[in-house]
Amino acid sequence: EKERAPEYIHHRTVYRPWGSFTTLEMGDTYQVKRISVQPGKRLSLQSHRFRSEHWVVVRGEALVTIGKEKLRLQKGETSFIPSGVKHRLENMGEDLLEVIEVQNGSYLGEDDIIRYQDDFGRTAEELTPEQHYQRWLAFPGLDPATREQLEEMADDPVRICSCFGGELVFGTGGMRGVIGPGLNRMNRYIVRRATQGLADYLQGLSLSEQDKKVVIAYDTRKFSYEFSVEASLVLAANGIRTLLFDGPRPTPELSFAIRKLGCAAGIVITASHNPPAYNGYKVYGPDGGQAVSPLIDRLVEKIAQVDLFEDVRLTTWEEA
């Protein structure tokens, strides 16, 4: 942390609704990633202002859009995407697609992306990291501790970009990240947004009021209990009965409780094997197993539609 090492600022593997990417190597003007795309998924139709990309398929078959051209690439085949050109990567097969991506350019940040079409509701006009930062500061309901942390980074554009230049999103079953303020960190506002998305998903199901309930577990990591309470208050505000364990529990107890109590879903606040600076948020289905397709796909769509300041319903502990 003191040396601002890349592995502290960003986890090497980042999960997205379509799969994940892992940073393999990074230099001043280049970056190498392994992109993994789940079957039937595709990245947004996008372009970059400051970088070009070279893709090499190492597993599966890719459908690549470059401008108006569409290419089917097999293992070992390559494509080049110049900066400024619209492009998309898609996995139309039944197996995992893996691509090695080599980026070259003057700026390689995750915020250098313009989305034109997206399956996960992310095509709205995107703010710069500084604009996101200012929006958080302007939120009247911001808690004092978060406001203090934001004010401390006012003259640190690198830290602002780190906290607001990307966004924690759901991968397989959940999300995890470094604890701190911002879109790219684990904090109460990110937890609230994810939980509101879960509530919206559950409200769309044909559930009786008796079956409309969620059980929440948490581990001993920093802020695990606090995040579990935040999730509880959002669910309660949405009229969903919430069952919160009275102390830290291992994940198998959550799975058992979901089935035993007949819950529609479960949440566990944990980052598993990650370093102490991390925490995470995982969703489990009514069968007690970690959420997978199609549940996770629909949940990701719901979360993407939630504005973390304007759309989240919240109540107090006393009212809940």
Protein backbone atom coordinates (compact mmCIF):
# COMPACT_ATOMS: atom_id res chain seq x y z
CA GLU A 1 0.00 0.00 0.00
CA LYS A 2 2.79 2.45 0.93
CA GLU A 3 4.51 1.89 -2.43
CA ARG A 4 1.21 2.20 -4.37
CA ALA A 5 1.89 -1.15 -5.99
CA PRO A 6 -0.45 -2.03 -8.91
CA GLU A 7 -1.64 -5.18 -7.14
CA TYR A 8 -2.83 -3.01 -4.23
CA ILE A 9 -4.65 -0.47 -6.42
CA HIS A 10 -6.29 -3.06 -8.68
CA HIS A 11 -6.80 -6.77 -8.22
CA ARG A 12 -5.05 -8.68 -11.02
CA THR A 13 -8.29 -10.44 -11.93
CA VAL A 14 -11.38 -8.29 -12.43
CA TYR A 15 -14.80 -9.86 -12.91
CA ARG A 16 -17.34 -8.53 -15.37
CA PRO A 17 -20.89 -9.64 -16.24
CA TRP A 18 -19.52 -11.42 -19.33
CA GLY A 19 -16.54 -13.11 -17.61
CA SER A 20 -13.24 -11.69 -16.37
CA PHE A 21 -9.86 -10.27 -17.34
CA THR A 22 -6.50 -10.83 -15.69
CA THR A 23 -3.60 -8.38 -16.02
CA LEU A 24 -0.47 -10.37 -16.90
CA GLU A 25 2.03 -7.56 -17.41
CA MET A 26 2.00 -3.77 -17.45
CA GLY A 27 4.43 -1.15 -18.70
CA ASP A 28 4.29 2.62 -19.25
CA THR A 29 2.78 2.34 -22.73
CA TYR A 30 1.65 -1.29 -22.95
CA GLN A 31 -0.44 -3.81 -21.04
CA VAL A 32 -1.06 -7.54 -21.50
CA LYS A 33 -4.31 -9.16 -20.35
CA ARG A 34 -6.00 -12.54 -20.54
CA ILE A 35 -9.71 -12.06 -21.34
CA SER A 36 -12.09 -14.90 -20.45
CA VAL A 37 -15.58 -14.75 -21.95
CA GLN A 38 -18.32 -17.12 -20.78
CA PRO A 39 -20.34 -19.08 -23.38
CA GLY A 40 -23.05 -16.98 -24.98
CA LYS A 41 -21.64 -13.72 -23.58
CA ARG A 42 -20.14 -10.70 -25.31
CA LEU A 43 -18.39 -7.49 -24.39
CA SER A 44 -19.94 -4.14 -25.21
CA LEU A 45 -19.55 -2.56 -28.64
CA GLN A 46 -16.88 -0.01 -27.75
CA SER A 47 -13.92 2.09 -28.78
CA HIS A 48 -10.87 3.62 -27.07
CA ARG A 49 -9.41 7.07 -27.54
CA PHE A 50 -5.82 6.48 -26.49
CA ARG A 51 -4.96 2.85 -27.19
CA SER A 52 -4.94 0.15 -29.84
CA GLU A 53 -5.43 -3.55 -29.11
CA HIS A 54 -4.12 -6.80 -30.54
CA TRP A 55 -6.12 -9.97 -29.80
CA VAL A 56 -4.84 -13.55 -29.98
CA VAL A 57 -7.33 -16.39 -29.45
CA VAL A 58 -5.79 -19.07 -27.22
CA ARG A 59 -8.94 -21.07 -26.42
CA GLY A 60 -12.34 -21.43 -28.05
CA GLU A 61 -13.74 -19.53 -31.03
CA ALA A 62 -14.28 -15.76 -31.13
CA LEU A 63 -16.65 -13.62 -33.13
CA VAL A 64 -14.86 -10.28 -33.52
CA THR A 65 -16.44 -7.07 -34.75
CA ILE A 66 -14.04 -4.40 -36.08
CA GLY A 67 -15.82 -1.46 -37.62
CA LYS A 68 -18.29 -2.95 -40.11
CA GLU A 69 -16.36 -6.21 -40.47
CA LYS A 70 -17.10 -9.43 -38.57
CA LEU A 71 -14.45 -12.13 -38.19
CA ARG A 72 -14.56 -15.66 -36.79
CA LEU A 73 -11.23 -16.42 -35.16
CA GLN A 74 -10.03 -19.86 -34.13
CA LYS A 75 -7.28 -20.76 -31.65
CA GLY A 76 -4.00 -19.19 -32.79
CA GLU A 77 -5.61 -16.55 -35.02
CA THR A 78 -5.28 -12.81 -34.37
CA SER A 79 -6.90 -9.45 -35.01
CA PHE A 80 -5.78 -5.81 -34.63
CA ILE A 81 -8.05 -2.99 -33.43
CA PRO A 82 -6.78 0.57 -34.09
CA SER A 83 -7.61 3.30 -31.59
CA GLY A 84 -10.94 5.00 -32.23
CA VAL A 85 -12.47 2.03 -34.09
CA LYS A 86 -15.66 0.41 -32.78
CA HIS A 87 -15.13 -3.22 -31.84
CA ARG A 88 -16.63 -6.13 -29.91
CA LEU A 89 -15.56 -9.57 -28.69
CA GLU A 90 -18.18 -12.34 -28.51
CA ASN A 91 -18.26 -15.99 -27.49
CA MET A 92 -20.92 -17.79 -29.53
CA GLY A 93 -19.65 -21.25 -28.59
CA GLU A 94 -20.44 -23.62 -25.75
CA ASP A 95 -16.95 -23.51 -24.22
CA LEU A 96 -14.98 -20.77 -22.49
CA LEU A 97 -13.31 -18.27 -24.82
CA GLU A 98 -9.86 -16.98 -23.83
CA VAL A 99 -8.02 -14.20 -25.63
CA ILE A 100 -4.65 -12.61 -24.95
CA GLU A 101 -4.97 -8.86 -25.38
CA VAL A 102 -1.98 -6.58 -25.90
CA GLN A 103 -2.76 -2.89 -25.44
CA ASN A 104 -0.51 -0.09 -26.72
CA GLY A 105 -1.06 3.61 -26.16
CA SER A 106 -0.39 6.76 -24.20
CA TYR A 107 -3.10 6.01 -21.63
CA LEU A 108 -4.29 2.53 -20.59
CA GLY A 109 -6.85 3.28 -17.85
CA GLU A 110 -10.11 1.34 -17.66
CA ASP A 111 -12.03 4.61 -17.98
CA ASP A 112 -10.82 5.06 -21.59
CA ILE A 113 -13.86 3.33 -23.04
CA ILE A 114 -16.82 4.59 -25.03
CA ARG A 115 -19.74 2.11 -25.09
CA TYR A 116 -22.25 2.17 -27.94
CA GLN A 117 -24.18 -1.04 -27.25
CA ASP A 118 -24.12 -3.13 -24.09
CA ASP A 119 -26.05 -6.15 -22.83
CA PHE A 120 -25.76 -5.00 -19.21
CA GLY A 121 -27.17 -1.48 -19.32
CA ARG A 122 -23.85 0.39 -19.31
CA THR A 123 -24.29 2.55 -22.42
CA ALA A 124 -25.39 5.71 -20.60
CA GLU A 125 -23.08 8.70 -20.87
CA GLU A 126 -20.10 7.94 -18.68
CA LEU A 127 -18.53 10.42 -16.31
CA THR A 128 -14.81 10.89 -15.86
CA PRO A 129 -13.23 9.71 -12.58
CA GLU A 130 -13.07 13.34 -11.42
CA GLN A 131 -16.77 13.85 -12.22
CA HIS A 132 -17.72 10.71 -10.30
CA TYR A 133 -15.58 11.92 -7.41
CA GLN A 134 -17.31 15.31 -7.36
CA ARG A 135 -20.73 13.65 -7.55
CA TRP A 136 -19.94 11.61 -4.45
CA LEU A 137 -18.75 14.71 -2.60
CA ALA A 138 -21.95 16.54 -3.54
CA PHE A 139 -24.22 13.78 -2.22
CA PRO A 140 -25.92 15.27 0.87
CA GLY A 141 -26.43 11.89 2.51
CA LEU A 142 -22.75 10.94 2.42
CA ASP A 143 -21.55 9.63 5.78
CA PRO A 144 -18.83 11.68 7.58
CA ALA A 145 -16.14 8.99 7.39
CA THR A 146 -16.48 8.60 3.63
CA ARG A 147 -16.54 12.36 3.13
CA GLU A 148 -13.32 12.69 5.13
CA GLN A 149 -11.64 10.00 3.01
CA LEU A 150 -12.74 11.74 -0.19
CA GLU A 151 -11.51 15.11 0.97
CA GLU A 152 -8.11 13.60 1.77
CA MET A 153 -7.64 12.61 -1.89
CA ALA A 154 -8.69 16.00 -3.32
CA ASP A 155 -5.15 16.75 -4.59
CA ASP A 156 -4.31 13.17 -5.59
CA PRO A 157 -5.58 12.52 -9.16
CA VAL A 158 -3.93 9.09 -9.25
CA ARG A 159 -5.89 7.96 -6.20
CA ILE A 160 -9.09 9.49 -7.55
CA CYS A 161 -8.62 7.58 -10.80
CA SER A 162 -7.92 4.39 -8.84
CA CYS A 163 -11.11 4.74 -6.78
CA PHE A 164 -13.40 6.07 -9.51
CA GLY A 165 -11.81 5.06 -12.84
CA GLY A 166 -13.37 1.60 -12.78
CA GLU A 167 -16.33 -0.09 -11.18
CA LEU A 168 -16.77 -3.20 -9.07
CA VAL A 169 -19.17 -5.47 -10.92
CA PHE A 170 -20.56 -8.92 -10.42
CA GLY A 171 -18.69 -11.90 -11.77
CA THR A 172 -19.44 -15.52 -10.96
CA GLY A 173 -21.58 -15.26 -7.86
CA GLY A 174 -20.52 -11.87 -6.56
CA MET A 175 -17.91 -9.13 -6.34
CA ARG A 176 -14.89 -8.27 -4.23
CA GLY A 177 -12.45 -5.39 -3.94
CA VAL A 178 -10.30 -3.23 -1.69
CA ILE A 179 -12.29 -1.52 1.07
CA GLY A 180 -12.56 2.24 0.58
CA PRO A 181 -14.59 5.03 -1.02
CA GLY A 182 -15.52 5.06 -4.70
CA LEU A 183 -17.03 2.97 -7.46
CA ASN A 184 -13.98 0.72 -7.64
CA ARG A 185 -13.92 -0.07 -3.91
CA MET A 186 -16.00 -2.07 -1.44
CA ASN A 187 -18.09 0.29 0.67
CA ARG A 188 -21.64 0.72 1.98
CA TYR A 189 -22.87 2.45 -1.17
CA ILE A 190 -21.70 -0.35 -3.45
CA VAL A 191 -23.29 -2.89 -1.08
CA ARG A 192 -26.55 -0.93 -1.06
CA ARG A 193 -26.66 -0.76 -4.86
CA ALA A 194 -26.05 -4.51 -5.26
CA THR A 195 -28.72 -5.28 -2.68
CA GLN A 196 -31.23 -2.98 -4.33
CA GLY A 197 -30.59 -4.87 -7.56
CA LEU A 198 -31.23 -8.15 -5.74
CA ALA A 199 -34.43 -6.74 -4.24
CA ASP A 200 -35.64 -5.60 -7.67
CA TYR A 201 -34.88 -9.06 -9.07
CA LEU A 202 -36.80 -10.81 -6.30
CA GLN A 203 -39.77 -8.45 -6.62
CA GLY A 204 -40.03 -9.48 -10.26
CA LEU A 205 -40.49 -13.14 -9.35
CA SER A 206 -43.83 -14.77 -8.60
CA LEU A 207 -43.12 -15.21 -4.90
CA SER A 208 -45.61 -15.28 -2.07
CA GLU A 209 -45.00 -12.87 0.78
CA GLN A 210 -44.01 -15.84 2.94
CA ASP A 211 -41.32 -16.93 0.46
CA LYS A 212 -40.00 -13.41 -0.10
CA LYS A 213 -37.11 -13.59 2.37
CA VAL A 214 -33.31 -13.50 2.31
CA VAL A 215 -30.77 -14.76 4.84
CA ILE A 216 -27.47 -12.90 5.33
CA ALA A 217 -24.18 -14.20 6.75
CA TYR A 218 -20.85 -12.46 7.26
CA ASP A 219 -17.29 -13.32 8.26
CA THR A 220 -14.73 -11.59 10.51
CA ARG A 221 -13.21 -9.26 7.93
CA LYS A 222 -13.19 -5.49 8.35
CA PHE A 223 -16.69 -4.03 7.87
CA SER A 224 -18.29 -7.43 7.21
CA TYR A 225 -20.88 -6.90 9.93
CA GLU A 226 -21.49 -3.29 8.87
CA PHE A 227 -21.99 -4.31 5.23
CA SER A 228 -24.38 -7.08 6.27
CA VAL A 229 -26.49 -4.54 8.18
CA GLU A 230 -26.55 -2.21 5.16
CA ALA A 231 -27.81 -5.06 2.99
CA SER A 232 -30.46 -5.89 5.60
CA LEU A 233 -31.77 -2.33 5.71
CA VAL A 234 -32.09 -2.13 1.93
CA LEU A 235 -34.01 -5.41 1.77
CA ALA A 236 -36.28 -4.34 4.63
CA ALA A 237 -37.03 -1.04 2.89
CA ASN A 238 -38.13 -3.08 -0.14
CA GLY A 239 -40.54 -5.17 1.91
CA ILE A 240 -38.37 -8.28 1.90
CA ARG A 241 -38.02 -10.15 5.18
CA THR A 242 -34.37 -10.41 6.18
CA LEU A 243 -32.77 -12.98 8.46
CA LEU A 244 -29.35 -11.85 9.75
CA PHE A 245 -27.04 -14.19 11.65
CA ASP A 246 -26.16 -12.94 15.14
CA GLY A 247 -22.43 -13.53 14.63
CA PRO A 248 -19.82 -14.53 12.02
CA ARG A 249 -20.64 -17.75 10.17
CA PRO A 250 -18.87 -19.93 7.57
CA THR A 251 -20.47 -19.96 4.13
CA PRO A 252 -21.82 -23.56 4.43
CA GLU A 253 -24.08 -22.40 7.26
CA LEU A 254 -25.58 -19.82 4.91
CA SER A 255 -26.24 -22.50 2.29
CA PHE A 256 -27.92 -24.70 4.91
CA ALA A 257 -30.02 -21.83 6.26
CA ILE A 258 -31.31 -20.87 2.80
CA ARG A 259 -32.71 -24.35 2.24
CA LYS A 260 -33.82 -24.96 5.82
CA LEU A 261 -35.71 -21.67 6.07
CA GLY A 262 -37.04 -21.69 2.51
CA CYS A 263 -35.40 -18.41 1.49
CA ALA A 264 -35.48 -16.98 -2.03
CA ALA A 265 -31.79 -16.04 -1.84
CA GLY A 266 -28.83 -15.57 0.47
CA ILE A 267 -26.01 -13.05 0.83
CA VAL A 268 -22.61 -13.60 2.40
CA ILE A 269 -20.18 -10.77 3.09
CA THR A 270 -16.72 -12.26 2.57
CA ALA A 271 -13.66 -12.00 0.33
CA SER A 272 -12.57 -15.60 0.87
CA HIS A 273 -8.80 -15.96 0.40
CA ASN A 274 -8.05 -12.34 -0.56
CA PRO A 275 -5.74 -10.05 1.50
CA PRO A 276 -7.06 -8.24 4.61
CA ALA A 277 -7.63 -4.98 2.70
CA TYR A 278 -10.39 -6.69 0.68
CA ASN A 279 -13.99 -7.55 1.28
CA GLY A 280 -16.72 -8.95 -0.94
CA TYR A 281 -20.39 -9.65 -1.53
CA LYS A 282 -21.70 -12.97 -2.81
CA VAL A 283 -25.22 -14.07 -3.68
CA TYR A 284 -26.61 -17.58 -3.28
CA GLY A 285 -29.72 -19.01 -4.90
CA PRO A 286 -32.72 -20.76 -3.31
CA ASP A 287 -30.95 -24.11 -3.69
CA GLY A 288 -28.18 -22.93 -1.35
CA GLY A 289 -25.61 -22.84 -4.15
CA GLN A 290 -23.64 -19.87 -5.40
CA ALA A 291 -25.67 -17.89 -7.94
CA VAL A 292 -25.07 -18.95 -11.55
CA SER A 293 -26.86 -18.37 -14.85
CA PRO A 294 -29.60 -17.47 -15.40
CA LEU A 295 -30.03 -15.97 -11.89
CA ILE A 296 -26.70 -14.12 -11.94
CA ASP A 297 -27.33 -12.74 -15.45
CA ARG A 298 -30.70 -11.27 -14.47
CA LEU A 299 -29.28 -9.96 -11.23
CA VAL A 300 -26.43 -8.18 -13.03
CA GLU A 301 -28.97 -6.55 -15.36
CA LYS A 302 -30.98 -5.29 -12.38
CA ILE A 303 -27.92 -3.92 -10.57
CA ALA A 304 -26.79 -2.09 -13.70
CA GLN A 305 -30.09 -0.18 -13.70
CA VAL A 306 -29.65 1.10 -10.12
CA ASP A 307 -28.18 4.53 -9.42
CA LEU A 308 -26.44 4.10 -6.09
CA PHE A 309 -27.58 7.50 -4.79
CA GLU A 310 -31.01 8.02 -6.39
CA ASP A 311 -32.55 4.55 -6.71
CA VAL A 312 -31.63 2.77 -3.46
CA ARG A 313 -34.38 2.36 -0.87
CA LEU A 314 -33.12 2.43 2.71
CA THR A 315 -34.71 2.29 6.15
CA THR A 316 -33.39 2.56 9.70
CA TRP A 317 -32.55 -0.32 12.02
CA GLU A 318 -35.46 0.64 14.30
CA GLU A 319 -37.96 0.74 11.44
CA ALA A 320 -36.66 -2.54 10.02
